[in-house]
Amino acid sequence: MNRLGKVIHLSSNKNLILRSRLTLKLRTTVIDNRLVPVGKIQDVFGPVTSPYVSIKPSVKNPKKYVGRVLYLMNK
């Protein structure tokens, strides 16, 4: 499991926003520390060296993930 980054906030369209240093692919599944799927990467934007990531949540209450670290599953 690779550390993706800490969730900064929940956007107005209910996506989780975080900052990452990894190279990412769209529609990659994102998990929490208990290996529960949280959502999928919807957009990557900002500076190339440290982009922001927008995650479309698949969980019922995405607001509880603000301030928590999310991960990518190793293949």
PDB file of N, CA and C in Angstrom:
ATOM      1  N   MET A   1       0.846  -1.168   0.000  1.00  0.00           N
ATOM      2  CA  MET A   1       0.000   0.000   0.000  1.00  0.00           C
ATOM      3  C   MET A   1       0.897   1.239   0.000  1.00  0.00           C
ATOM      4  N   ASN A   2       0.609   2.191  -0.890  1.00  0.00           N
ATOM      5  CA  ASN A   2       1.390   3.424  -1.005  1.00  0.00           C
ATOM      6  C   ASN A   2       0.612   4.596  -0.434  1.00  0.00           C
ATOM      7  N   ARG A   3       1.289   5.429   0.339  1.00  0.00           N
ATOM      8  CA  ARG A   3       0.648   6.608   0.929  1.00  0.00           C
ATOM      9  C   ARG A   3       0.355   7.615  -0.178  1.00  0.00           C
ATOM     10  N   LEU A   4      -0.915   7.994  -0.304  1.00  0.00           N
ATOM     11  CA  LEU A   4      -1.322   8.968  -1.305  1.00  0.00           C
ATOM     12  C   LEU A   4      -1.203  10.382  -0.752  1.00  0.00           C
ATOM     13  N   GLY A   5      -1.722  10.616   0.434  1.00  0.00           N
ATOM     14  CA  GLY A   5      -1.649  11.932   1.053  1.00  0.00           C
ATOM     15  C   GLY A   5      -2.778  12.145   2.042  1.00  0.00           C
ATOM     16  N   LYS A   6      -2.730  13.295   2.727  1.00  0.00           N
ATOM     17  CA  LYS A   6      -3.738  13.636   3.722  1.00  0.00           C
ATOM     18  C   LYS A   6      -4.825  14.490   3.081  1.00  0.00           C
ATOM     19  N   VAL A   7      -6.076  14.165   3.361  1.00  0.00           N
ATOM     20  CA  VAL A   7      -7.210  14.904   2.806  1.00  0.00           C
ATOM     21  C   VAL A   7      -7.228  16.307   3.407  1.00  0.00           C
ATOM     22  N   ILE A   8      -7.244  17.317   2.517  1.00  0.00           N
ATOM     23  CA  ILE A   8      -7.237  18.722   2.939  1.00  0.00           C
ATOM     24  C   ILE A   8      -8.646  19.206   3.246  1.00  0.00           C
ATOM     25  N   HIS A   9      -9.566  18.940   2.320  1.00  0.00           N
ATOM     26  CA  HIS A   9     -10.951  19.360   2.539  1.00  0.00           C
ATOM     27  C   HIS A   9     -11.911  18.651   1.589  1.00  0.00           C
ATOM     28  N   LEU A  10     -13.208  18.901   1.829  1.00  0.00           N
ATOM     29  CA  LEU A  10     -14.271  18.384   0.985  1.00  0.00           C
ATOM     30  C   LEU A  10     -14.729  19.537   0.103  1.00  0.00           C
ATOM     31  N   SER A  11     -14.676  19.360  -1.211  1.00  0.00           N
ATOM     32  CA  SER A  11     -15.027  20.443  -2.133  1.00  0.00           C
ATOM     33  C   SER A  11     -16.538  20.678  -2.157  1.00  0.00           C
ATOM     34  N   SER A  12     -16.946  21.747  -2.831  1.00  0.00           N
ATOM     35  CA  SER A  12     -18.370  22.075  -2.912  1.00  0.00           C
ATOM     36  C   SER A  12     -19.171  21.018  -3.668  1.00  0.00           C
ATOM     37  N   ASN A  13     -18.515  20.281  -4.565  1.00  0.00           N
ATOM     38  CA  ASN A  13     -19.213  19.194  -5.270  1.00  0.00           C
ATOM     39  C   ASN A  13     -18.990  17.843  -4.597  1.00  0.00           C
ATOM     40  N   LYS A  14     -18.609  17.872  -3.318  1.00  0.00           N
ATOM     41  CA  LYS A  14     -18.474  16.684  -2.452  1.00  0.00           C
ATOM     42  C   LYS A  14     -17.332  15.747  -2.810  1.00  0.00           C
ATOM     43  N   ASN A  15     -16.292  16.259  -3.480  1.00  0.00           N
ATOM     44  CA  ASN A  15     -15.094  15.456  -3.735  1.00  0.00           C
ATOM     45  C   ASN A  15     -14.064  15.720  -2.649  1.00  0.00           C
ATOM     46  N   LEU A  16     -13.292  14.697  -2.301  1.00  0.00           N
ATOM     47  CA  LEU A  16     -12.201  14.845  -1.345  1.00  0.00           C
ATOM     48  C   LEU A  16     -10.993  15.403  -2.089  1.00  0.00           C
ATOM     49  N   ILE A  17     -10.352  16.425  -1.517  1.00  0.00           N
ATOM     50  CA  ILE A  17      -9.186  17.053  -2.134  1.00  0.00           C
ATOM     51  C   ILE A  17      -7.975  16.793  -1.243  1.00  0.00           C
ATOM     52  N   LEU A  18      -6.880  16.335  -1.866  1.00  0.00           N
ATOM     53  CA  LEU A  18      -5.636  16.128  -1.129  1.00  0.00           C
ATOM     54  C   LEU A  18      -4.459  16.457  -2.027  1.00  0.00           C
ATOM     55  N   ARG A  19      -3.280  16.507  -1.434  1.00  0.00           N
ATOM     56  CA  ARG A  19      -2.049  16.782  -2.168  1.00  0.00           C
ATOM     57  C   ARG A  19      -1.201  15.519  -2.168  1.00  0.00           C
ATOM     58  N   SER A  20      -0.534  15.240  -3.290  1.00  0.00           N
ATOM     59  CA  SER A  20       0.243  14.015  -3.404  1.00  0.00           C
ATOM     60  C   SER A  20       1.563  14.276  -4.111  1.00  0.00           C
ATOM     61  N   ARG A  21       2.515  13.392  -3.913  1.00  0.00           N
ATOM     62  CA  ARG A  21       3.788  13.453  -4.627  1.00  0.00           C
ATOM     63  C   ARG A  21       3.937  12.261  -5.572  1.00  0.00           C
ATOM     64  N   LEU A  22       2.898  11.456  -5.712  1.00  0.00           N
ATOM     65  CA  LEU A  22       2.954  10.265  -6.558  1.00  0.00           C
ATOM     66  C   LEU A  22       2.472  10.558  -7.969  1.00  0.00           C
ATOM     67  N   THR A  23       2.903   9.725  -8.912  1.00  0.00           N
ATOM     68  CA  THR A  23       2.368   9.767 -10.271  1.00  0.00           C
ATOM     69  C   THR A  23       1.088   8.943 -10.252  1.00  0.00           C
ATOM     70  N   LEU A  24      -0.002   9.538 -10.712  1.00  0.00           N
ATOM     71  CA  LEU A  24      -1.309   8.912 -10.542  1.00  0.00           C
ATOM     72  C   LEU A  24      -2.029   8.697 -11.859  1.00  0.00           C
ATOM     73  N   LYS A  25      -2.909   7.701 -11.863  1.00  0.00           N
ATOM     74  CA  LYS A  25      -3.776   7.440 -13.007  1.00  0.00           C
ATOM     75  C   LYS A  25      -5.212   7.711 -12.569  1.00  0.00           C
ATOM     76  N   LEU A  26      -6.005   8.277 -13.486  1.00  0.00           N
ATOM     77  CA  LEU A  26      -7.409   8.524 -13.193  1.00  0.00           C
ATOM     78  C   LEU A  26      -8.142   7.201 -12.991  1.00  0.00           C
ATOM     79  N   ARG A  27      -9.181   7.245 -12.188  1.00  0.00           N
ATOM     80  CA  ARG A  27     -10.045   6.101 -11.873  1.00  0.00           C
ATOM     81  C   ARG A  27      -9.349   5.007 -11.060  1.00  0.00           C
ATOM     82  N   THR A  28      -8.221   5.338 -10.424  1.00  0.00           N
ATOM     83  CA  THR A  28      -7.555   4.406  -9.518  1.00  0.00           C
ATOM     84  C   THR A  28      -8.293   4.408  -8.184  1.00  0.00           C
ATOM     85  N   THR A  29      -8.509   3.235  -7.602  1.00  0.00           N
ATOM     86  CA  THR A  29      -9.209   3.130  -6.326  1.00  0.00           C
ATOM     87  C   THR A  29      -8.311   3.586  -5.186  1.00  0.00           C
ATOM     88  N   VAL A  30      -8.898   4.360  -4.282  1.00  0.00           N
ATOM     89  CA  VAL A  30      -8.206   4.898  -3.111  1.00  0.00           C
ATOM     90  C   VAL A  30      -8.798   4.220  -1.872  1.00  0.00           C
ATOM     91  N   ILE A  31      -7.927   3.841  -0.917  1.00  0.00           N
ATOM     92  CA  ILE A  31      -8.373   3.139   0.286  1.00  0.00           C
ATOM     93  C   ILE A  31      -7.925   3.883   1.538  1.00  0.00           C
ATOM     94  N   ASP A  32      -8.507   3.505   2.684  1.00  0.00           N
ATOM     95  CA  ASP A  32      -8.065   4.076   3.954  1.00  0.00           C
ATOM     96  C   ASP A  32      -7.122   3.092   4.641  1.00  0.00           C
ATOM     97  N   ASN A  33      -6.744   3.374   5.865  1.00  0.00           N
ATOM     98  CA  ASN A  33      -5.763   2.530   6.571  1.00  0.00           C
ATOM     99  C   ASN A  33      -6.303   1.146   6.929  1.00  0.00           C
ATOM    100  N   ARG A  34      -7.632   0.957   6.840  1.00  0.00           N
ATOM    101  CA  ARG A  34      -8.226  -0.359   7.113  1.00  0.00           C
ATOM    102  C   ARG A  34      -8.528  -1.124   5.824  1.00  0.00           C
ATOM    103  N   LEU A  35      -7.991  -0.618   4.687  1.00  0.00           N
ATOM    104  CA  LEU A  35      -8.162  -1.223   3.359  1.00  0.00           C
ATOM    105  C   LEU A  35      -9.590  -1.131   2.837  1.00  0.00           C
ATOM    106  N   VAL A  36     -10.374  -0.187   3.375  1.00  0.00           N
ATOM    107  CA  VAL A  36     -11.744   0.039   2.907  1.00  0.00           C
ATOM    108  C   VAL A  36     -11.693   1.007   1.725  1.00  0.00           C
ATOM    109  N   PRO A  37     -12.290   0.657   0.581  1.00  0.00           N
ATOM    110  CA  PRO A  37     -12.305   1.584  -0.558  1.00  0.00           C
ATOM    111  C   PRO A  37     -13.067   2.867  -0.211  1.00  0.00           C
ATOM    112  N   VAL A  38     -12.432   4.013  -0.461  1.00  0.00           N
ATOM    113  CA  VAL A  38     -13.014   5.313  -0.146  1.00  0.00           C
ATOM    114  C   VAL A  38     -13.585   5.956  -1.403  1.00  0.00           C
ATOM    115  N   GLY A  39     -12.957   5.742  -2.545  1.00  0.00           N
ATOM    116  CA  GLY A  39     -13.417   6.333  -3.790  1.00  0.00           C
ATOM    117  C   GLY A  39     -12.406   6.115  -4.902  1.00  0.00           C
ATOM    118  N   LYS A  40     -12.588   6.871  -5.996  1.00  0.00           N
ATOM    119  CA  LYS A  40     -11.691   6.774  -7.144  1.00  0.00           C
ATOM    120  C   LYS A  40     -11.164   8.157  -7.509  1.00  0.00           C
ATOM    121  N   ILE A  41      -9.925   8.186  -8.015  1.00  0.00           N
ATOM    122  CA  ILE A  41      -9.323   9.447  -8.448  1.00  0.00           C
ATOM    123  C   ILE A  41     -10.092   9.961  -9.659  1.00  0.00           C
ATOM    124  N   GLN A  42     -10.602  11.194  -9.535  1.00  0.00           N
ATOM    125  CA  GLN A  42     -11.382  11.784 -10.615  1.00  0.00           C
ATOM    126  C   GLN A  42     -10.583  12.816 -11.404  1.00  0.00           C
ATOM    127  N   ASP A  43      -9.673  13.538 -10.717  1.00  0.00           N
ATOM    128  CA  ASP A  43      -8.921  14.592 -11.388  1.00  0.00           C
ATOM    129  C   ASP A  43      -7.595  14.813 -10.673  1.00  0.00           C
ATOM    130  N   VAL A  44      -6.584  15.204 -11.430  1.00  0.00           N
ATOM    131  CA  VAL A  44      -5.278  15.590 -10.901  1.00  0.00           C
ATOM    132  C   VAL A  44      -4.986  16.966 -11.481  1.00  0.00           C
ATOM    133  N   PHE A  45      -4.681  17.946 -10.617  1.00  0.00           N
ATOM    134  CA  PHE A  45      -4.479  19.312 -11.082  1.00  0.00           C
ATOM    135  C   PHE A  45      -3.452  20.032 -10.215  1.00  0.00           C
ATOM    136  N   GLY A  46      -2.958  21.158 -10.719  1.00  0.00           N
ATOM    137  CA  GLY A  46      -1.979  21.947  -9.977  1.00  0.00           C
ATOM    138  C   GLY A  46      -0.562  21.691 -10.453  1.00  0.00           C
ATOM    139  N   PRO A  47       0.434  22.041  -9.615  1.00  0.00           N
ATOM    140  CA  PRO A  47       1.835  21.897 -10.018  1.00  0.00           C
ATOM    141  C   PRO A  47       2.227  20.427 -10.221  1.00  0.00           C
ATOM    142  N   VAL A  48       3.101  20.203 -11.184  1.00  0.00           N
ATOM    143  CA  VAL A  48       3.523  18.842 -11.530  1.00  0.00           C
ATOM    144  C   VAL A  48       4.274  18.173 -10.382  1.00  0.00           C
ATOM    145  N   THR A  49       5.082  18.913  -9.640  1.00  0.00           N
ATOM    146  CA  THR A  49       5.891  18.326  -8.572  1.00  0.00           C
ATOM    147  C   THR A  49       5.075  17.929  -7.349  1.00  0.00           C
ATOM    148  N   SER A  50       3.955  18.572  -7.112  1.00  0.00           N
ATOM    149  CA  SER A  50       3.121  18.267  -5.953  1.00  0.00           C
ATOM    150  C   SER A  50       1.654  18.566  -6.289  1.00  0.00           C
ATOM    151  N   PRO A  51       1.034  17.705  -7.121  1.00  0.00           N
ATOM    152  CA  PRO A  51      -0.320  17.995  -7.598  1.00  0.00           C
ATOM    153  C   PRO A  51      -1.399  17.774  -6.537  1.00  0.00           C
ATOM    154  N   TYR A  52      -2.526  18.412  -6.772  1.00  0.00           N
ATOM    155  CA  TYR A  52      -3.725  18.160  -5.984  1.00  0.00           C
ATOM    156  C   TYR A  52      -4.475  17.024  -6.654  1.00  0.00           C
ATOM    157  N   VAL A  53      -5.196  16.251  -5.847  1.00  0.00           N
ATOM    158  CA  VAL A  53      -5.956  15.114  -6.347  1.00  0.00           C
ATOM    159  C   VAL A  53      -7.399  15.258  -5.881  1.00  0.00           C
ATOM    160  N   SER A  54      -8.326  15.074  -6.803  1.00  0.00           N
ATOM    161  CA  SER A  54      -9.754  15.096  -6.489  1.00  0.00           C
ATOM    162  C   SER A  54     -10.253  13.658  -6.520  1.00  0.00           C
ATOM    163  N   ILE A  55     -10.878  13.231  -5.419  1.00  0.00           N
ATOM    164  CA  ILE A  55     -11.366  11.860  -5.301  1.00  0.00           C
ATOM    165  C   ILE A  55     -12.887  11.865  -5.200  1.00  0.00           C
ATOM    166  N   LYS A  56     -13.536  11.138  -6.090  1.00  0.00           N
ATOM    167  CA  LYS A  56     -14.996  10.975  -6.051  1.00  0.00           C
ATOM    168  C   LYS A  56     -15.287   9.887  -5.028  1.00  0.00           C
ATOM    169  N   PRO A  57     -15.871  10.260  -3.875  1.00  0.00           N
ATOM    170  CA  PRO A  57     -16.066   9.281  -2.805  1.00  0.00           C
ATOM    171  C   PRO A  57     -17.145   8.240  -3.130  1.00  0.00           C
ATOM    172  N   SER A  58     -16.930   7.039  -2.623  1.00  0.00           N
ATOM    173  CA  SER A  58     -17.910   5.961  -2.738  1.00  0.00           C
ATOM    174  C   SER A  58     -18.444   5.585  -1.357  1.00  0.00           C
ATOM    175  N   VAL A  59     -18.076   6.372  -0.356  1.00  0.00           N
ATOM    176  CA  VAL A  59     -18.521   6.130   1.022  1.00  0.00           C
ATOM    177  C   VAL A  59     -19.698   7.031   1.345  1.00  0.00           C
ATOM    178  N   LYS A  60     -20.442   6.654   2.383  1.00  0.00           N
ATOM    179  CA  LYS A  60     -21.645   7.382   2.757  1.00  0.00           C
ATOM    180  C   LYS A  60     -21.350   8.766   3.334  1.00  0.00           C
ATOM    181  N   ASN A  61     -20.336   8.880   4.187  1.00  0.00           N
ATOM    182  CA  ASN A  61     -20.025  10.133   4.863  1.00  0.00           C
ATOM    183  C   ASN A  61     -18.575  10.543   4.567  1.00  0.00           C
ATOM    184  N   PRO A  62     -18.320  11.172   3.399  1.00  0.00           N
ATOM    185  CA  PRO A  62     -16.937  11.513   3.043  1.00  0.00           C
ATOM    186  C   PRO A  62     -16.312  12.570   3.946  1.00  0.00           C
ATOM    187  N   LYS A  63     -17.121  13.367   4.621  1.00  0.00           N
ATOM    188  CA  LYS A  63     -16.582  14.431   5.481  1.00  0.00           C
ATOM    189  C   LYS A  63     -15.719  13.878   6.619  1.00  0.00           C
ATOM    190  N   LYS A  64     -15.986  12.648   7.047  1.00  0.00           N
ATOM    191  CA  LYS A  64     -15.197  12.071   8.154  1.00  0.00           C
ATOM    192  C   LYS A  64     -13.760  11.748   7.740  1.00  0.00           C
ATOM    193  N   TYR A  65     -13.463  11.793   6.421  1.00  0.00           N
ATOM    194  CA  TYR A  65     -12.108  11.516   5.953  1.00  0.00           C
ATOM    195  C   TYR A  65     -11.225  12.766   5.882  1.00  0.00           C
ATOM    196  N   VAL A  66     -11.786  13.935   6.117  1.00  0.00           N
ATOM    197  CA  VAL A  66     -10.983  15.170   6.116  1.00  0.00           C
ATOM    198  C   VAL A  66      -9.970  15.085   7.251  1.00  0.00           C
ATOM    199  N   GLY A  67      -8.693  15.303   6.921  1.00  0.00           N
ATOM    200  CA  GLY A  67      -7.615  15.214   7.910  1.00  0.00           C
ATOM    201  C   GLY A  67      -6.999  13.830   8.023  1.00  0.00           C
ATOM    202  N   ARG A  68      -7.564  12.841   7.357  1.00  0.00           N
ATOM    203  CA  ARG A  68      -7.028  11.478   7.410  1.00  0.00           C
ATOM    204  C   ARG A  68      -6.149  11.196   6.194  1.00  0.00           C
ATOM    205  N   VAL A  69      -5.252  10.249   6.340  1.00  0.00           N
ATOM    206  CA  VAL A  69      -4.356   9.850   5.257  1.00  0.00           C
ATOM    207  C   VAL A  69      -5.030   8.746   4.444  1.00  0.00           C
ATOM    208  N   LEU A  70      -4.944   8.868   3.122  1.00  0.00           N
ATOM    209  CA  LEU A  70      -5.464   7.853   2.218  1.00  0.00           C
ATOM    210  C   LEU A  70      -4.333   7.185   1.458  1.00  0.00           C
ATOM    211  N   TYR A  71      -4.600   6.012   0.920  1.00  0.00           N
ATOM    212  CA  TYR A  71      -3.563   5.191   0.301  1.00  0.00           C
ATOM    213  C   TYR A  71      -4.012   4.632  -1.052  1.00  0.00           C
ATOM    214  N   LEU A  72      -3.025   4.190  -1.833  1.00  0.00           N
ATOM    215  CA  LEU A  72      -3.255   3.433  -3.058  1.00  0.00           C
ATOM    216  C   LEU A  72      -2.840   2.004  -2.797  1.00  0.00           C
ATOM    217  N   MET A  73      -3.603   1.057  -3.293  1.00  0.00           N
ATOM    218  CA  MET A  73      -3.265  -0.359  -3.114  1.00  0.00           C
ATOM    219  C   MET A  73      -2.168  -0.752  -4.098  1.00  0.00           C
ATOM    220  N   ASN A  74      -1.148  -1.478  -3.629  1.00  0.00           N
ATOM    221  CA  ASN A  74      -0.107  -2.013  -4.511  1.00  0.00           C
ATOM    222  C   ASN A  74      -0.698  -3.136  -5.343  1.00  0.00           C
ATOM    223  N   LYS A  75      -0.242  -3.215  -6.594  1.00  0.00           N
ATOM    224  CA  LYS A  75      -0.753  -4.303  -7.451  1.00  0.00           C
ATOM    225  C   LYS A  75       0.229  -5.436  -7.486  1.00  0.00           C
TER     226      LYS A  75
END
